[in-house]
Amino acid sequence: MAYTEPDYLKWLIESRQPVVVVDLRTAQEFEAGHLPGAISVPMTELDRRFGEIPTSPMVVLYCRCSVEEAATAYAFLETRGYLNHVVLQDGLDGWLRRRFPVVK
């Protein structure tokens, strides 16, 4: 499984680089606050909604879940031919610890 650091993702977002950020939490959690520009594809809906996730540019998956859950989502996309995806190191909690912005 490949990871990206929160600092790098923040730089990508702020410099308007091509990146797709996918929030794997529930719709309610997403509405309560999410990373700037993120789209909501809850883990429980990934199997039927993965087509909404583009195959390029880089896709960053995040949640407030265990490493195993993130690994499951990563592996699921990999089996469907995605080669452009990574998991946000430390997930949402790591983003929040750095006091990076969230959208509500």
N, C-alpha and C. Protein backbone atom coordinates (compact mmCIF):
# COMPACT_ATOMS: atom_id res chain seq x y z
N MET A 1 0.86 -1.18 0.00
CA MET A 1 0.00 0.00 0.00
C MET A 1 0.90 1.24 0.00
N ALA A 2 0.54 2.22 -0.78
CA ALA A 2 1.31 3.46 -0.88
C ALA A 2 0.63 4.55 -0.05
N TYR A 3 1.45 5.39 0.53
CA TYR A 3 0.96 6.48 1.37
C TYR A 3 1.46 7.83 0.84
N THR A 4 0.77 8.89 1.27
CA THR A 4 1.27 10.25 1.07
C THR A 4 1.14 10.99 2.39
N GLU A 5 2.05 11.90 2.61
CA GLU A 5 2.06 12.69 3.84
C GLU A 5 1.03 13.81 3.78
N PRO A 6 0.42 14.15 4.91
CA PRO A 6 -0.52 15.27 4.94
C PRO A 6 0.08 16.58 4.42
N ASP A 7 1.34 16.84 4.73
CA ASP A 7 1.98 18.09 4.28
C ASP A 7 2.01 18.15 2.74
N TYR A 8 2.30 17.02 2.12
CA TYR A 8 2.36 16.98 0.66
C TYR A 8 0.97 17.18 0.07
N LEU A 9 -0.03 16.52 0.64
CA LEU A 9 -1.39 16.68 0.14
C LEU A 9 -1.85 18.13 0.30
N LYS A 10 -1.54 18.74 1.42
CA LYS A 10 -1.91 20.14 1.63
C LYS A 10 -1.28 21.02 0.54
N TRP A 11 -0.03 20.75 0.22
CA TRP A 11 0.65 21.51 -0.83
C TRP A 11 -0.05 21.29 -2.18
N LEU A 12 -0.40 20.05 -2.49
CA LEU A 12 -1.11 19.76 -3.75
C LEU A 12 -2.40 20.55 -3.85
N ILE A 13 -3.18 20.54 -2.76
CA ILE A 13 -4.46 21.23 -2.75
C ILE A 13 -4.27 22.73 -2.89
N GLU A 14 -3.38 23.29 -2.08
CA GLU A 14 -3.18 24.74 -2.08
C GLU A 14 -2.59 25.25 -3.39
N SER A 15 -1.77 24.46 -4.04
CA SER A 15 -1.16 24.90 -5.30
C SER A 15 -1.99 24.47 -6.52
N ARG A 16 -3.17 23.95 -6.23
CA ARG A 16 -4.13 23.57 -7.27
C ARG A 16 -3.57 22.54 -8.26
N GLN A 17 -2.79 21.62 -7.72
CA GLN A 17 -2.28 20.52 -8.53
C GLN A 17 -3.42 19.52 -8.76
N PRO A 18 -3.34 18.75 -9.83
CA PRO A 18 -4.40 17.77 -10.07
C PRO A 18 -4.34 16.62 -9.07
N VAL A 19 -5.34 16.55 -8.23
CA VAL A 19 -5.46 15.49 -7.23
C VAL A 19 -6.93 15.31 -6.91
N VAL A 20 -7.32 14.07 -6.68
CA VAL A 20 -8.69 13.75 -6.27
C VAL A 20 -8.61 13.20 -4.85
N VAL A 21 -9.32 13.84 -3.93
CA VAL A 21 -9.31 13.42 -2.53
C VAL A 21 -10.64 12.73 -2.25
N VAL A 22 -10.57 11.49 -1.76
CA VAL A 22 -11.77 10.68 -1.53
C VAL A 22 -11.92 10.39 -0.05
N ASP A 23 -13.02 10.87 0.51
CA ASP A 23 -13.36 10.65 1.92
C ASP A 23 -14.17 9.37 2.01
N LEU A 24 -13.66 8.39 2.75
CA LEU A 24 -14.30 7.08 2.86
C LEU A 24 -15.23 6.97 4.07
N ARG A 25 -15.40 8.05 4.80
CA ARG A 25 -16.28 8.03 5.98
C ARG A 25 -17.75 8.11 5.55
N THR A 26 -18.63 8.03 6.52
CA THR A 26 -20.07 8.11 6.22
C THR A 26 -20.42 9.50 5.70
N ALA A 27 -21.55 9.61 5.05
CA ALA A 27 -22.01 10.90 4.54
C ALA A 27 -22.19 11.91 5.67
N GLN A 28 -22.65 11.46 6.82
CA GLN A 28 -22.84 12.35 7.97
C GLN A 28 -21.49 12.88 8.47
N GLU A 29 -20.50 12.02 8.53
CA GLU A 29 -19.16 12.45 8.96
C GLU A 29 -18.57 13.43 7.95
N PHE A 30 -18.79 13.16 6.66
CA PHE A 30 -18.31 14.04 5.60
C PHE A 30 -18.91 15.43 5.76
N GLU A 31 -20.22 15.49 5.99
CA GLU A 31 -20.91 16.78 6.15
C GLU A 31 -20.41 17.55 7.37
N ALA A 32 -19.99 16.84 8.40
CA ALA A 32 -19.51 17.49 9.62
C ALA A 32 -18.16 18.17 9.41
N GLY A 33 -17.42 17.76 8.40
CA GLY A 33 -16.14 18.37 8.09
C GLY A 33 -15.27 17.44 7.28
N HIS A 34 -14.72 17.96 6.17
CA HIS A 34 -13.90 17.14 5.29
C HIS A 34 -12.75 17.96 4.71
N LEU A 35 -11.82 17.29 4.09
CA LEU A 35 -10.69 17.97 3.46
C LEU A 35 -11.18 18.81 2.30
N PRO A 36 -10.53 19.94 2.04
CA PRO A 36 -10.94 20.80 0.92
C PRO A 36 -10.95 20.04 -0.41
N GLY A 37 -12.06 20.17 -1.13
CA GLY A 37 -12.18 19.55 -2.44
C GLY A 37 -12.49 18.07 -2.44
N ALA A 38 -12.62 17.47 -1.26
CA ALA A 38 -12.86 16.03 -1.18
C ALA A 38 -14.23 15.65 -1.72
N ILE A 39 -14.31 14.43 -2.25
CA ILE A 39 -15.59 13.85 -2.63
C ILE A 39 -15.91 12.74 -1.64
N SER A 40 -17.18 12.50 -1.43
CA SER A 40 -17.62 11.48 -0.47
C SER A 40 -17.99 10.20 -1.19
N VAL A 41 -17.24 9.14 -0.89
CA VAL A 41 -17.58 7.79 -1.34
C VAL A 41 -17.39 6.90 -0.11
N PRO A 42 -18.44 6.76 0.71
CA PRO A 42 -18.31 5.98 1.94
C PRO A 42 -17.82 4.56 1.69
N MET A 43 -17.02 4.06 2.61
CA MET A 43 -16.47 2.71 2.51
C MET A 43 -17.55 1.68 2.23
N THR A 44 -18.72 1.85 2.86
CA THR A 44 -19.81 0.88 2.70
C THR A 44 -20.42 0.93 1.29
N GLU A 45 -20.12 1.99 0.53
CA GLU A 45 -20.66 2.13 -0.82
C GLU A 45 -19.59 2.00 -1.90
N LEU A 46 -18.35 1.76 -1.50
CA LEU A 46 -17.24 1.74 -2.44
C LEU A 46 -17.44 0.72 -3.55
N ASP A 47 -17.96 -0.45 -3.21
CA ASP A 47 -18.12 -1.50 -4.22
C ASP A 47 -19.07 -1.12 -5.35
N ARG A 48 -20.03 -0.26 -5.09
CA ARG A 48 -20.95 0.14 -6.17
C ARG A 48 -20.70 1.55 -6.69
N ARG A 49 -19.87 2.33 -6.01
CA ARG A 49 -19.63 3.71 -6.44
C ARG A 49 -18.20 4.00 -6.87
N PHE A 50 -17.36 2.97 -6.91
CA PHE A 50 -15.96 3.22 -7.25
C PHE A 50 -15.80 3.84 -8.62
N GLY A 51 -16.77 3.67 -9.50
CA GLY A 51 -16.71 4.27 -10.82
C GLY A 51 -16.72 5.79 -10.79
N GLU A 52 -17.14 6.38 -9.67
CA GLU A 52 -17.12 7.84 -9.52
C GLU A 52 -15.71 8.37 -9.25
N ILE A 53 -14.80 7.47 -8.96
CA ILE A 53 -13.42 7.85 -8.66
C ILE A 53 -12.62 7.75 -9.96
N PRO A 54 -12.05 8.85 -10.42
CA PRO A 54 -11.32 8.81 -11.69
C PRO A 54 -10.05 7.98 -11.59
N THR A 55 -9.58 7.50 -12.73
CA THR A 55 -8.36 6.71 -12.76
C THR A 55 -7.12 7.59 -12.90
N SER A 56 -7.31 8.87 -13.11
CA SER A 56 -6.20 9.83 -13.07
C SER A 56 -6.82 11.18 -12.75
N PRO A 57 -6.16 12.09 -12.13
CA PRO A 57 -4.78 12.07 -11.65
C PRO A 57 -4.66 11.25 -10.37
N MET A 58 -3.71 11.61 -9.51
CA MET A 58 -3.51 10.90 -8.25
C MET A 58 -4.78 10.98 -7.40
N VAL A 59 -5.12 9.85 -6.79
CA VAL A 59 -6.26 9.75 -5.89
C VAL A 59 -5.73 9.52 -4.48
N VAL A 60 -6.18 10.33 -3.53
CA VAL A 60 -5.79 10.17 -2.13
C VAL A 60 -7.01 9.73 -1.35
N LEU A 61 -6.93 8.55 -0.75
CA LEU A 61 -8.01 8.01 0.07
C LEU A 61 -7.75 8.38 1.53
N TYR A 62 -8.82 8.74 2.24
CA TYR A 62 -8.65 8.97 3.67
C TYR A 62 -9.93 8.64 4.41
N CYS A 63 -9.76 8.39 5.70
CA CYS A 63 -10.89 8.11 6.57
C CYS A 63 -10.43 8.36 8.00
N ARG A 64 -11.28 8.03 8.91
CA ARG A 64 -10.92 8.06 10.33
C ARG A 64 -11.10 6.62 10.79
N CYS A 65 -10.29 5.77 10.19
CA CYS A 65 -10.47 4.33 10.35
C CYS A 65 -9.11 3.67 10.60
N SER A 66 -9.16 2.39 10.78
CA SER A 66 -7.93 1.63 11.02
C SER A 66 -7.13 1.50 9.72
N VAL A 67 -5.87 1.19 9.88
CA VAL A 67 -5.01 0.95 8.72
C VAL A 67 -5.57 -0.21 7.88
N GLU A 68 -6.16 -1.19 8.55
CA GLU A 68 -6.71 -2.34 7.83
C GLU A 68 -7.86 -1.93 6.92
N GLU A 69 -8.73 -1.03 7.41
CA GLU A 69 -9.85 -0.57 6.58
C GLU A 69 -9.34 0.22 5.38
N ALA A 70 -8.38 1.09 5.60
CA ALA A 70 -7.80 1.85 4.50
C ALA A 70 -7.14 0.90 3.51
N ALA A 71 -6.47 -0.14 4.02
CA ALA A 71 -5.83 -1.13 3.15
C ALA A 71 -6.85 -1.88 2.32
N THR A 72 -8.02 -2.14 2.90
CA THR A 72 -9.09 -2.82 2.17
C THR A 72 -9.56 -1.98 1.00
N ALA A 73 -9.78 -0.69 1.24
CA ALA A 73 -10.21 0.21 0.16
C ALA A 73 -9.12 0.32 -0.91
N TYR A 74 -7.88 0.42 -0.49
CA TYR A 74 -6.76 0.51 -1.41
C TYR A 74 -6.70 -0.74 -2.30
N ALA A 75 -6.77 -1.92 -1.68
CA ALA A 75 -6.71 -3.17 -2.41
C ALA A 75 -7.90 -3.33 -3.35
N PHE A 76 -9.07 -2.92 -2.89
CA PHE A 76 -10.27 -3.00 -3.73
C PHE A 76 -10.06 -2.22 -5.03
N LEU A 77 -9.58 -0.99 -4.92
CA LEU A 77 -9.36 -0.18 -6.12
C LEU A 77 -8.25 -0.79 -6.99
N GLU A 78 -7.23 -1.32 -6.35
CA GLU A 78 -6.13 -1.92 -7.10
C GLU A 78 -6.62 -3.09 -7.95
N THR A 79 -7.54 -3.90 -7.40
CA THR A 79 -8.06 -5.03 -8.16
C THR A 79 -8.94 -4.59 -9.33
N ARG A 80 -9.35 -3.34 -9.32
CA ARG A 80 -10.16 -2.79 -10.41
C ARG A 80 -9.32 -1.96 -11.37
N GLY A 81 -8.02 -2.10 -11.27
CA GLY A 81 -7.13 -1.46 -12.24
C GLY A 81 -6.62 -0.09 -11.88
N TYR A 82 -6.93 0.40 -10.69
CA TYR A 82 -6.41 1.70 -10.28
C TYR A 82 -4.92 1.58 -9.94
N LEU A 83 -4.14 2.46 -10.50
CA LEU A 83 -2.70 2.48 -10.26
C LEU A 83 -2.25 3.82 -9.72
N ASN A 84 -3.19 4.71 -9.53
CA ASN A 84 -2.90 6.11 -9.19
C ASN A 84 -3.30 6.50 -7.79
N HIS A 85 -3.54 5.55 -6.91
CA HIS A 85 -4.11 5.87 -5.62
C HIS A 85 -3.12 5.63 -4.48
N VAL A 86 -3.29 6.46 -3.44
CA VAL A 86 -2.50 6.37 -2.23
C VAL A 86 -3.43 6.61 -1.04
N VAL A 87 -2.94 6.28 0.14
CA VAL A 87 -3.69 6.50 1.37
C VAL A 87 -3.02 7.65 2.13
N LEU A 88 -3.82 8.52 2.69
CA LEU A 88 -3.29 9.64 3.48
C LEU A 88 -2.71 9.10 4.78
N GLN A 89 -1.40 9.30 4.95
CA GLN A 89 -0.73 8.85 6.17
C GLN A 89 -1.40 9.48 7.39
N ASP A 90 -1.74 8.70 8.36
CA ASP A 90 -2.40 9.14 9.60
C ASP A 90 -3.84 9.59 9.41
N GLY A 91 -4.39 9.46 8.20
CA GLY A 91 -5.80 9.75 7.95
C GLY A 91 -6.24 11.14 8.38
N LEU A 92 -7.52 11.25 8.63
CA LEU A 92 -8.09 12.54 9.03
C LEU A 92 -7.49 13.03 10.34
N ASP A 93 -7.23 12.13 11.26
CA ASP A 93 -6.67 12.55 12.55
C ASP A 93 -5.32 13.25 12.37
N GLY A 94 -4.48 12.72 11.50
CA GLY A 94 -3.18 13.35 11.24
C GLY A 94 -3.34 14.72 10.61
N TRP A 95 -4.32 14.86 9.73
CA TRP A 95 -4.62 16.15 9.10
C TRP A 95 -5.05 17.17 10.17
N LEU A 96 -5.95 16.74 11.04
CA LEU A 96 -6.46 17.63 12.09
C LEU A 96 -5.39 17.98 13.12
N ARG A 97 -4.53 17.04 13.46
CA ARG A 97 -3.44 17.31 14.42
C ARG A 97 -2.54 18.43 13.92
N ARG A 98 -2.39 18.52 12.61
CA ARG A 98 -1.56 19.58 12.02
C ARG A 98 -2.32 20.90 11.89
N ARG A 99 -3.58 20.88 12.28
CA ARG A 99 -4.45 22.06 12.19
C ARG A 99 -4.62 22.54 10.75
N PHE A 100 -4.65 21.58 9.84
CA PHE A 100 -4.90 21.89 8.43
C PHE A 100 -6.39 22.14 8.25
N PRO A 101 -6.77 22.85 7.19
CA PRO A 101 -8.17 23.25 7.04
C PRO A 101 -9.12 22.10 6.71
N VAL A 102 -10.34 22.25 7.19
CA VAL A 102 -11.43 21.35 6.82
C VAL A 102 -12.59 22.23 6.35
N VAL A 103 -13.43 21.64 5.53
CA VAL A 103 -14.60 22.33 4.99
C VAL A 103 -15.84 21.74 5.64
N LYS A 104 -16.75 22.62 6.07
CA LYS A 104 -18.01 22.15 6.68
C LYS A 104 -19.18 22.60 5.87
